[in-house]
Amino acid sequence: KKGGQLRVGLDDGNTTDSMDPATYASRFMISMAHTRCNFLTEIDATNQVTGELAEDWDVSPDAKTWTLKLRKGVEFHNGKTFEAGDAAASLNHHRGDGSKSGAKALLESVTDIRADDKHTLVIELATGSADLPYVLTDYHFVILPSDGEGKIDWESNIGTGGYVVETFEPGVQATLKRFPNYWKEGRAHFEAILYSAIPDVAARQTALVTNALDAMIECDFKTIHLLQTDSGVVIDEVPTGTHVTMPMQA
């Protein structure tokens, strides 16, 4: 059922949080990354790597040269068409001597990232690696629009994801609205998302049971048995050990 607003309580968020993907560290910003942006690859529901903005890829026998075929017809929130130059600039943002990105080490073996044409991205490695598609799912590697000079425009808050940022108050709250031209069929059902940083777990749980939130992350293990007695609440444990809790009506 489409429509409505999803109100989510997250367990962290800092006033120093930034939309610069090189700085992502808090769960608040990781959630924002997956809500407003896409990645070249993603982990699916069966815990396997699959293409997202990259539809397919080929690799050389020595696993040093990866050629990614990019999805056509994907639109950024500002109407710009996604191309290989955007992907190259997004990944190169985390490389180089001056980079302080938290993901810089993941690309240490990369010698070159370039757009072969509008829909083909080539990644060259110094040493072969079969894990590159998994590496590209890292939450830092969001795909953002290029400024046309090989840099990314991260300050505009623009992505290709299902939701467009309307407001962002670091460490406090963010509001997002559904992107009507989202390329993924059958995704982004809500009309709006509200993320709130609520570090105190007791405050999050109170907000949940009083209907101030529709979902929250990380339950208090000492009192989780009380939530389990509430017929209107569902507690879900995902493979990372993170608990996501929401009322049944959500």
C-alpha atoms as a PDB file:
ATOM      1  CA  LYS A   1       0.000   0.000   0.000  1.00  0.00           C
ATOM      2  CA  LYS A   2       1.534   3.295  -1.076  1.00  0.00           C
ATOM      3  CA  GLY A   3       1.396   6.588   0.797  1.00  0.00           C
ATOM      4  CA  GLY A   4       1.832   7.916   4.301  1.00  0.00           C
ATOM      5  CA  GLN A   5       4.898   8.888   6.262  1.00  0.00           C
ATOM      6  CA  LEU A   6       7.362   6.497   7.891  1.00  0.00           C
ATOM      7  CA  ARG A   7       8.763   7.918  11.152  1.00  0.00           C
ATOM      8  CA  VAL A   8      11.979   6.178  12.223  1.00  0.00           C
ATOM      9  CA  GLY A   9      13.976   6.598  15.433  1.00  0.00           C
ATOM     10  CA  LEU A  10      17.726   6.041  14.908  1.00  0.00           C
ATOM     11  CA  ASP A  11      20.166   5.340  17.710  1.00  0.00           C
ATOM     12  CA  ASP A  12      22.833   7.865  16.772  1.00  0.00           C
ATOM     13  CA  GLY A  13      23.563  11.039  14.866  1.00  0.00           C
ATOM     14  CA  ASN A  14      26.081  13.814  15.358  1.00  0.00           C
ATOM     15  CA  THR A  15      25.975  17.579  14.908  1.00  0.00           C
ATOM     16  CA  THR A  16      29.162  17.121  12.854  1.00  0.00           C
ATOM     17  CA  ASP A  17      27.422  14.786  10.381  1.00  0.00           C
ATOM     18  CA  SER A  18      27.894  15.821   6.761  1.00  0.00           C
ATOM     19  CA  MET A  19      26.456  14.818   3.400  1.00  0.00           C
ATOM     20  CA  ASP A  20      30.039  14.256   2.209  1.00  0.00           C
ATOM     21  CA  PRO A  21      30.132  10.451   1.738  1.00  0.00           C
ATOM     22  CA  ALA A  22      33.799  10.350   2.717  1.00  0.00           C
ATOM     23  CA  THR A  23      32.748  11.255   6.281  1.00  0.00           C
ATOM     24  CA  TYR A  24      29.859   8.816   6.804  1.00  0.00           C
ATOM     25  CA  ALA A  25      30.204   7.126  10.188  1.00  0.00           C
ATOM     26  CA  SER A  26      26.933   7.395  12.105  1.00  0.00           C
ATOM     27  CA  ARG A  27      23.992   5.088  11.556  1.00  0.00           C
ATOM     28  CA  PHE A  28      21.961   8.208  10.804  1.00  0.00           C
ATOM     29  CA  MET A  29      24.104   9.022   7.771  1.00  0.00           C
ATOM     30  CA  ILE A  30      24.304   5.389   6.664  1.00  0.00           C
ATOM     31  CA  SER A  31      20.489   5.283   6.674  1.00  0.00           C
ATOM     32  CA  MET A  32      20.364   8.551   4.753  1.00  0.00           C
ATOM     33  CA  ALA A  33      22.809   7.151   2.185  1.00  0.00           C
ATOM     34  CA  HIS A  34      20.595   4.179   1.391  1.00  0.00           C
ATOM     35  CA  THR A  35      17.422   6.274   1.326  1.00  0.00           C
ATOM     36  CA  ARG A  36      18.482   9.092  -0.999  1.00  0.00           C
ATOM     37  CA  CYS A  37      21.121   7.320  -3.118  1.00  0.00           C
ATOM     38  CA  ASN A  38      22.010   4.137  -4.957  1.00  0.00           C
ATOM     39  CA  PHE A  39      25.233   2.165  -5.275  1.00  0.00           C
ATOM     40  CA  LEU A  40      26.821   0.330  -8.182  1.00  0.00           C
ATOM     41  CA  THR A  41      26.141  -2.984  -6.424  1.00  0.00           C
ATOM     42  CA  GLU A  42      24.082  -4.075  -3.442  1.00  0.00           C
ATOM     43  CA  ILE A  43      23.511  -7.049  -1.144  1.00  0.00           C
ATOM     44  CA  ASP A  44      20.131  -8.647  -1.851  1.00  0.00           C
ATOM     45  CA  ALA A  45      17.688 -10.364   0.488  1.00  0.00           C
ATOM     46  CA  THR A  46      19.581 -13.649   0.161  1.00  0.00           C
ATOM     47  CA  ASN A  47      22.847 -11.975   1.253  1.00  0.00           C
ATOM     48  CA  GLN A  48      24.328 -12.197  -2.246  1.00  0.00           C
ATOM     49  CA  VAL A  49      25.891  -9.354  -4.215  1.00  0.00           C
ATOM     50  CA  THR A  50      23.860  -8.124  -7.171  1.00  0.00           C
ATOM     51  CA  GLY A  51      23.872  -5.165  -9.520  1.00  0.00           C
ATOM     52  CA  GLU A  52      22.146  -1.913  -8.656  1.00  0.00           C
ATOM     53  CA  LEU A  53      23.280   0.990 -10.872  1.00  0.00           C
ATOM     54  CA  ALA A  54      25.632  -1.510 -12.508  1.00  0.00           C
ATOM     55  CA  GLU A  55      23.494  -4.002 -14.431  1.00  0.00           C
ATOM     56  CA  ASP A  56      26.317  -6.422 -15.150  1.00  0.00           C
ATOM     57  CA  TRP A  57      30.113  -6.701 -15.201  1.00  0.00           C
ATOM     58  CA  ASP A  58      32.959  -8.573 -16.849  1.00  0.00           C
ATOM     59  CA  VAL A  59      36.354  -9.281 -15.323  1.00  0.00           C
ATOM     60  CA  SER A  60      39.681 -10.159 -16.914  1.00  0.00           C
ATOM     61  CA  PRO A  61      41.162 -13.626 -16.219  1.00  0.00           C
ATOM     62  CA  ASP A  62      43.651 -12.110 -13.744  1.00  0.00           C
ATOM     63  CA  ALA A  63      40.813 -10.219 -11.956  1.00  0.00           C
ATOM     64  CA  LYS A  64      42.671  -6.927 -12.404  1.00  0.00           C
ATOM     65  CA  THR A  65      40.344  -5.253 -14.913  1.00  0.00           C
ATOM     66  CA  TRP A  66      36.652  -4.915 -14.156  1.00  0.00           C
ATOM     67  CA  THR A  67      34.247  -3.562 -16.791  1.00  0.00           C
ATOM     68  CA  LEU A  68      30.858  -2.552 -15.414  1.00  0.00           C
ATOM     69  CA  LYS A  69      27.857  -2.047 -17.686  1.00  0.00           C
ATOM     70  CA  LEU A  70      25.755   0.701 -16.160  1.00  0.00           C
ATOM     71  CA  ARG A  71      21.994   0.975 -16.085  1.00  0.00           C
ATOM     72  CA  LYS A  72      20.430   3.303 -18.637  1.00  0.00           C
ATOM     73  CA  GLY A  73      17.574   5.708 -18.005  1.00  0.00           C
ATOM     74  CA  VAL A  74      18.390   6.449 -14.343  1.00  0.00           C
ATOM     75  CA  GLU A  75      17.625  10.007 -13.287  1.00  0.00           C
ATOM     76  CA  PHE A  76      19.135  12.115 -10.521  1.00  0.00           C
ATOM     77  CA  HIS A  77      16.748  14.145  -8.371  1.00  0.00           C
ATOM     78  CA  ASN A  78      17.614  17.283 -10.348  1.00  0.00           C
ATOM     79  CA  GLY A  79      16.740  15.668 -13.693  1.00  0.00           C
ATOM     80  CA  LYS A  80      20.329  14.897 -14.734  1.00  0.00           C
ATOM     81  CA  THR A  81      20.806  11.513 -16.432  1.00  0.00           C
ATOM     82  CA  PHE A  82      23.159   9.129 -14.635  1.00  0.00           C
ATOM     83  CA  GLU A  83      26.288   8.306 -16.644  1.00  0.00           C
ATOM     84  CA  ALA A  84      29.621   6.578 -16.142  1.00  0.00           C
ATOM     85  CA  GLY A  85      31.317   9.923 -15.434  1.00  0.00           C
ATOM     86  CA  ASP A  86      29.183  10.262 -12.307  1.00  0.00           C
ATOM     87  CA  ALA A  87      30.211   6.788 -11.125  1.00  0.00           C
ATOM     88  CA  ALA A  88      33.907   7.476 -11.774  1.00  0.00           C
ATOM     89  CA  ALA A  89      33.816  10.802  -9.909  1.00  0.00           C
ATOM     90  CA  SER A  90      31.909   9.231  -7.002  1.00  0.00           C
ATOM     91  CA  LEU A  91      34.493   6.472  -6.495  1.00  0.00           C
ATOM     92  CA  ASN A  92      37.517   8.696  -7.135  1.00  0.00           C
ATOM     93  CA  HIS A  93      36.257  11.018  -4.378  1.00  0.00           C
ATOM     94  CA  HIS A  94      37.582   8.445  -1.900  1.00  0.00           C
ATOM     95  CA  ARG A  95      41.011   8.034  -3.525  1.00  0.00           C
ATOM     96  CA  GLY A  96      44.153  10.121  -3.705  1.00  0.00           C
ATOM     97  CA  ASP A  97      46.782  11.344  -1.277  1.00  0.00           C
ATOM     98  CA  GLY A  98      44.574  14.085   0.124  1.00  0.00           C
ATOM     99  CA  SER A  99      41.561  11.874   0.745  1.00  0.00           C
ATOM    100  CA  LYS A 100      40.466  11.370   4.353  1.00  0.00           C
ATOM    101  CA  SER A 101      37.643   9.048   3.386  1.00  0.00           C
ATOM    102  CA  GLY A 102      36.747   6.221   5.713  1.00  0.00           C
ATOM    103  CA  ALA A 103      36.678   3.992   2.631  1.00  0.00           C
ATOM    104  CA  LYS A 104      40.056   4.995   1.194  1.00  0.00           C
ATOM    105  CA  ALA A 105      41.689   1.724   2.289  1.00  0.00           C
ATOM    106  CA  LEU A 106      39.089  -0.281   0.370  1.00  0.00           C
ATOM    107  CA  LEU A 107      40.364   1.209  -2.895  1.00  0.00           C
ATOM    108  CA  GLU A 108      44.095   1.020  -2.174  1.00  0.00           C
ATOM    109  CA  SER A 109      44.712  -1.558  -4.897  1.00  0.00           C
ATOM    110  CA  VAL A 110      42.854   0.516  -7.522  1.00  0.00           C
ATOM    111  CA  THR A 111      45.141   2.134 -10.091  1.00  0.00           C
ATOM    112  CA  ASP A 112      42.515   3.729 -12.336  1.00  0.00           C
ATOM    113  CA  ILE A 113      38.772   4.361 -12.516  1.00  0.00           C
ATOM    114  CA  ARG A 114      37.466   5.777 -15.778  1.00  0.00           C
ATOM    115  CA  ALA A 115      34.407   6.126 -17.973  1.00  0.00           C
ATOM    116  CA  ASP A 116      34.936   4.131 -21.168  1.00  0.00           C
ATOM    117  CA  ASP A 117      31.704   5.540 -22.577  1.00  0.00           C
ATOM    118  CA  LYS A 118      28.470   6.896 -21.092  1.00  0.00           C
ATOM    119  CA  HIS A 119      27.359   3.497 -19.860  1.00  0.00           C
ATOM    120  CA  THR A 120      30.641   1.669 -19.233  1.00  0.00           C
ATOM    121  CA  LEU A 121      32.892   2.046 -16.194  1.00  0.00           C
ATOM    122  CA  VAL A 122      36.359   0.474 -16.086  1.00  0.00           C
ATOM    123  CA  ILE A 123      38.185  -0.180 -12.811  1.00  0.00           C
ATOM    124  CA  GLU A 124      41.838  -1.247 -12.941  1.00  0.00           C
ATOM    125  CA  LEU A 125      43.532  -2.963  -9.992  1.00  0.00           C
ATOM    126  CA  ALA A 126      47.217  -3.454  -9.207  1.00  0.00           C
ATOM    127  CA  THR A 127      46.489  -6.937  -7.894  1.00  0.00           C
ATOM    128  CA  GLY A 128      43.602  -9.195  -8.823  1.00  0.00           C
ATOM    129  CA  SER A 129      40.549  -9.292  -6.576  1.00  0.00           C
ATOM    130  CA  ALA A 130      37.376 -11.317  -6.889  1.00  0.00           C
ATOM    131  CA  ASP A 131      35.726  -9.241  -4.155  1.00  0.00           C
ATOM    132  CA  LEU A 132      35.319  -5.910  -5.947  1.00  0.00           C
ATOM    133  CA  PRO A 133      31.518  -6.211  -6.399  1.00  0.00           C
ATOM    134  CA  TYR A 134      31.205  -6.727  -2.636  1.00  0.00           C
ATOM    135  CA  VAL A 135      33.551  -3.826  -1.893  1.00  0.00           C
ATOM    136  CA  LEU A 136      31.389  -1.490  -3.974  1.00  0.00           C
ATOM    137  CA  THR A 137      28.419  -2.086  -1.643  1.00  0.00           C
ATOM    138  CA  ASP A 138      30.223  -0.193   1.149  1.00  0.00           C
ATOM    139  CA  TYR A 139      28.006   2.603   2.474  1.00  0.00           C
ATOM    140  CA  HIS A 140      30.533   5.305   1.558  1.00  0.00           C
ATOM    141  CA  PHE A 141      30.303   4.514  -2.164  1.00  0.00           C
ATOM    142  CA  VAL A 142      27.039   6.287  -2.961  1.00  0.00           C
ATOM    143  CA  ILE A 143      26.727   7.507  -6.537  1.00  0.00           C
ATOM    144  CA  LEU A 144      26.390  11.285  -6.797  1.00  0.00           C
ATOM    145  CA  PRO A 145      26.323  13.643  -9.784  1.00  0.00           C
ATOM    146  CA  SER A 146      29.626  14.805 -11.222  1.00  0.00           C
ATOM    147  CA  ASP A 147      30.304  18.522 -11.539  1.00  0.00           C
ATOM    148  CA  GLY A 148      31.658  17.893 -15.030  1.00  0.00           C
ATOM    149  CA  GLU A 149      35.261  18.292 -13.929  1.00  0.00           C
ATOM    150  CA  GLY A 150      35.744  14.933 -12.234  1.00  0.00           C
ATOM    151  CA  LYS A 151      34.465  15.975  -8.802  1.00  0.00           C
ATOM    152  CA  ILE A 152      31.158  15.181  -7.135  1.00  0.00           C
ATOM    153  CA  ASP A 153      28.516  17.669  -6.100  1.00  0.00           C
ATOM    154  CA  TRP A 154      27.750  16.296  -2.627  1.00  0.00           C
ATOM    155  CA  GLU A 155      26.573  19.593  -1.131  1.00  0.00           C
ATOM    156  CA  SER A 156      23.435  19.642  -3.294  1.00  0.00           C
ATOM    157  CA  ASN A 157      22.026  16.558  -1.470  1.00  0.00           C
ATOM    158  CA  ILE A 158      21.104  15.080  -4.869  1.00  0.00           C
ATOM    159  CA  GLY A 159      21.084  11.338  -5.511  1.00  0.00           C
ATOM    160  CA  THR A 160      19.272   8.723  -7.599  1.00  0.00           C
ATOM    161  CA  GLY A 161      17.474   7.053  -4.698  1.00  0.00           C
ATOM    162  CA  GLY A 162      13.816   6.671  -3.872  1.00  0.00           C
ATOM    163  CA  TYR A 163      13.639   9.771  -1.674  1.00  0.00           C
ATOM    164  CA  VAL A 164      14.654  13.412  -2.029  1.00  0.00           C
ATOM    165  CA  VAL A 165      16.085  15.323   0.940  1.00  0.00           C
ATOM    166  CA  GLU A 166      13.831  18.195   2.007  1.00  0.00           C
ATOM    167  CA  THR A 167      15.439  19.147   5.335  1.00  0.00           C
ATOM    168  CA  PHE A 168      18.567  17.987   7.132  1.00  0.00           C
ATOM    169  CA  GLU A 169      19.547  19.046  10.645  1.00  0.00           C
ATOM    170  CA  PRO A 170      22.751  17.145  11.529  1.00  0.00           C
ATOM    171  CA  GLY A 171      22.425  15.031  14.622  1.00  0.00           C
ATOM    172  CA  VAL A 172      18.752  15.861  15.010  1.00  0.00           C
ATOM    173  CA  GLN A 173      16.375  15.119  12.157  1.00  0.00           C
ATOM    174  CA  ALA A 174      15.919  14.753   8.407  1.00  0.00           C
ATOM    175  CA  THR A 175      12.820  14.759   6.227  1.00  0.00           C
ATOM    176  CA  LEU A 176      12.626  13.224   2.762  1.00  0.00           C
ATOM    177  CA  LYS A 177       9.881  12.935   0.155  1.00  0.00           C
ATOM    178  CA  ARG A 178       9.276  10.248  -2.467  1.00  0.00           C
ATOM    179  CA  PHE A 179      11.045  10.748  -5.813  1.00  0.00           C
ATOM    180  CA  PRO A 180       8.334  10.254  -8.461  1.00  0.00           C
ATOM    181  CA  ASN A 181      10.820   9.265 -11.181  1.00  0.00           C
ATOM    182  CA  TYR A 182      12.583   6.572  -9.159  1.00  0.00           C
ATOM    183  CA  TRP A 183      13.854   3.864 -11.508  1.00  0.00           C
ATOM    184  CA  LYS A 184      13.201   0.864  -9.236  1.00  0.00           C
ATOM    185  CA  GLU A 185       9.786  -0.618  -9.843  1.00  0.00           C
ATOM    186  CA  GLY A 186       7.854  -1.614  -6.763  1.00  0.00           C
ATOM    187  CA  ARG A 187      10.069   0.305  -4.328  1.00  0.00           C
ATOM    188  CA  ALA A 188       9.795   3.543  -2.312  1.00  0.00           C
ATOM    189  CA  HIS A 189       6.193   3.051  -1.181  1.00  0.00           C
ATOM    190  CA  PHE A 190       5.983   5.822   1.414  1.00  0.00           C
ATOM    191  CA  GLU A 191       5.281   9.406   0.407  1.00  0.00           C
ATOM    192  CA  ALA A 192       7.642  10.721   3.074  1.00  0.00           C
ATOM    193  CA  ILE A 193      10.329   9.619   5.528  1.00  0.00           C
ATOM    194  CA  LEU A 194      11.156  11.240   8.861  1.00  0.00           C
ATOM    195  CA  TYR A 195      14.428  10.233  10.526  1.00  0.00           C
ATOM    196  CA  SER A 196      14.997  11.324  14.119  1.00  0.00           C
ATOM    197  CA  ALA A 197      18.199  10.856  16.094  1.00  0.00           C
ATOM    198  CA  ILE A 198      17.191   9.544  19.524  1.00  0.00           C
ATOM    199  CA  PRO A 199      20.316   8.187  21.259  1.00  0.00           C
ATOM    200  CA  ASP A 200      18.511   7.136  24.436  1.00  0.00           C
ATOM    201  CA  VAL A 201      16.975   3.696  23.941  1.00  0.00           C
ATOM    202  CA  ALA A 202      14.295   4.230  26.599  1.00  0.00           C
ATOM    203  CA  ALA A 203      13.175   7.395  24.821  1.00  0.00           C
ATOM    204  CA  ARG A 204      13.033   5.544  21.495  1.00  0.00           C
ATOM    205  CA  GLN A 205      10.932   2.746  22.942  1.00  0.00           C
ATOM    206  CA  THR A 206       8.575   5.198  24.625  1.00  0.00           C
ATOM    207  CA  ALA A 207       8.141   7.061  21.350  1.00  0.00           C
ATOM    208  CA  LEU A 208       7.378   3.784  19.604  1.00  0.00           C
ATOM    209  CA  VAL A 209       4.727   2.514  21.995  1.00  0.00           C
ATOM    210  CA  THR A 210       3.053   5.943  22.208  1.00  0.00           C
ATOM    211  CA  ASN A 211       2.813   6.115  18.388  1.00  0.00           C
ATOM    212  CA  ALA A 212       5.274   8.982  18.023  1.00  0.00           C
ATOM    213  CA  LEU A 213       7.387   6.614  15.869  1.00  0.00           C
ATOM    214  CA  ASP A 214       6.494   3.865  13.405  1.00  0.00           C
ATOM    215  CA  ALA A 215       9.847   2.083  13.697  1.00  0.00           C
ATOM    216  CA  MET A 216      13.052   2.208  15.697  1.00  0.00           C
ATOM    217  CA  ILE A 217      16.489   0.642  15.573  1.00  0.00           C
ATOM    218  CA  GLU A 218      18.187  -1.205  18.459  1.00  0.00           C
ATOM    219  CA  CYS A 219      16.034  -2.339  21.376  1.00  0.00           C
ATOM    220  CA  ASP A 220      17.081  -2.376  25.014  1.00  0.00           C
ATOM    221  CA  PHE A 221      17.944  -6.039  25.630  1.00  0.00           C
ATOM    222  CA  LYS A 222      17.046  -5.674  29.304  1.00  0.00           C
ATOM    223  CA  THR A 223      13.475  -4.637  28.563  1.00  0.00           C
ATOM    224  CA  ILE A 224      12.861  -6.262  25.193  1.00  0.00           C
ATOM    225  CA  HIS A 225      10.608  -8.826  26.892  1.00  0.00           C
ATOM    226  CA  LEU A 226       8.161  -6.000  27.669  1.00  0.00           C
ATOM    227  CA  LEU A 227       7.978  -5.030  23.998  1.00  0.00           C
ATOM    228  CA  GLN A 228       7.395  -8.668  23.100  1.00  0.00           C
ATOM    229  CA  THR A 229       4.192  -8.657  25.157  1.00  0.00           C
ATOM    230  CA  ASP A 230       2.780  -5.794  23.089  1.00  0.00           C
ATOM    231  CA  SER A 231       0.633  -7.328  20.340  1.00  0.00           C
ATOM    232  CA  GLY A 232       0.966  -4.142  18.304  1.00  0.00           C
ATOM    233  CA  VAL A 233       4.750  -4.376  18.018  1.00  0.00           C
ATOM    234  CA  VAL A 234       6.918  -6.571  15.805  1.00  0.00           C
ATOM    235  CA  ILE A 235      10.583  -7.162  16.704  1.00  0.00           C
ATOM    236  CA  ASP A 236      12.845  -8.255  13.890  1.00  0.00           C
ATOM    237  CA  GLU A 237      16.460  -9.405  14.153  1.00  0.00           C
ATOM    238  CA  VAL A 238      18.565  -9.089  11.009  1.00  0.00           C
ATOM    239  CA  PRO A 239      21.854 -10.967  10.351  1.00  0.00           C
ATOM    240  CA  THR A 240      24.054  -8.109  11.624  1.00  0.00           C
ATOM    241  CA  GLY A 241      22.409  -8.346  15.025  1.00  0.00           C
ATOM    242  CA  THR A 242      20.640  -5.011  14.588  1.00  0.00           C
ATOM    243  CA  HIS A 243      17.106  -4.945  15.926  1.00  0.00           C
ATOM    244  CA  VAL A 244      14.424  -3.089  14.007  1.00  0.00           C
ATOM    245  CA  THR A 245      11.129  -2.662  15.815  1.00  0.00           C
ATOM    246  CA  MET A 246       7.845  -1.364  14.501  1.00  0.00           C
ATOM    247  CA  PRO A 247       4.136  -1.388  15.327  1.00  0.00           C
ATOM    248  CA  MET A 248       2.041  -3.857  13.358  1.00  0.00           C
ATOM    249  CA  GLN A 249       0.137  -1.107  11.515  1.00  0.00           C
ATOM    250  CA  ALA A 250       3.376   0.233   9.935  1.00  0.00           C
END
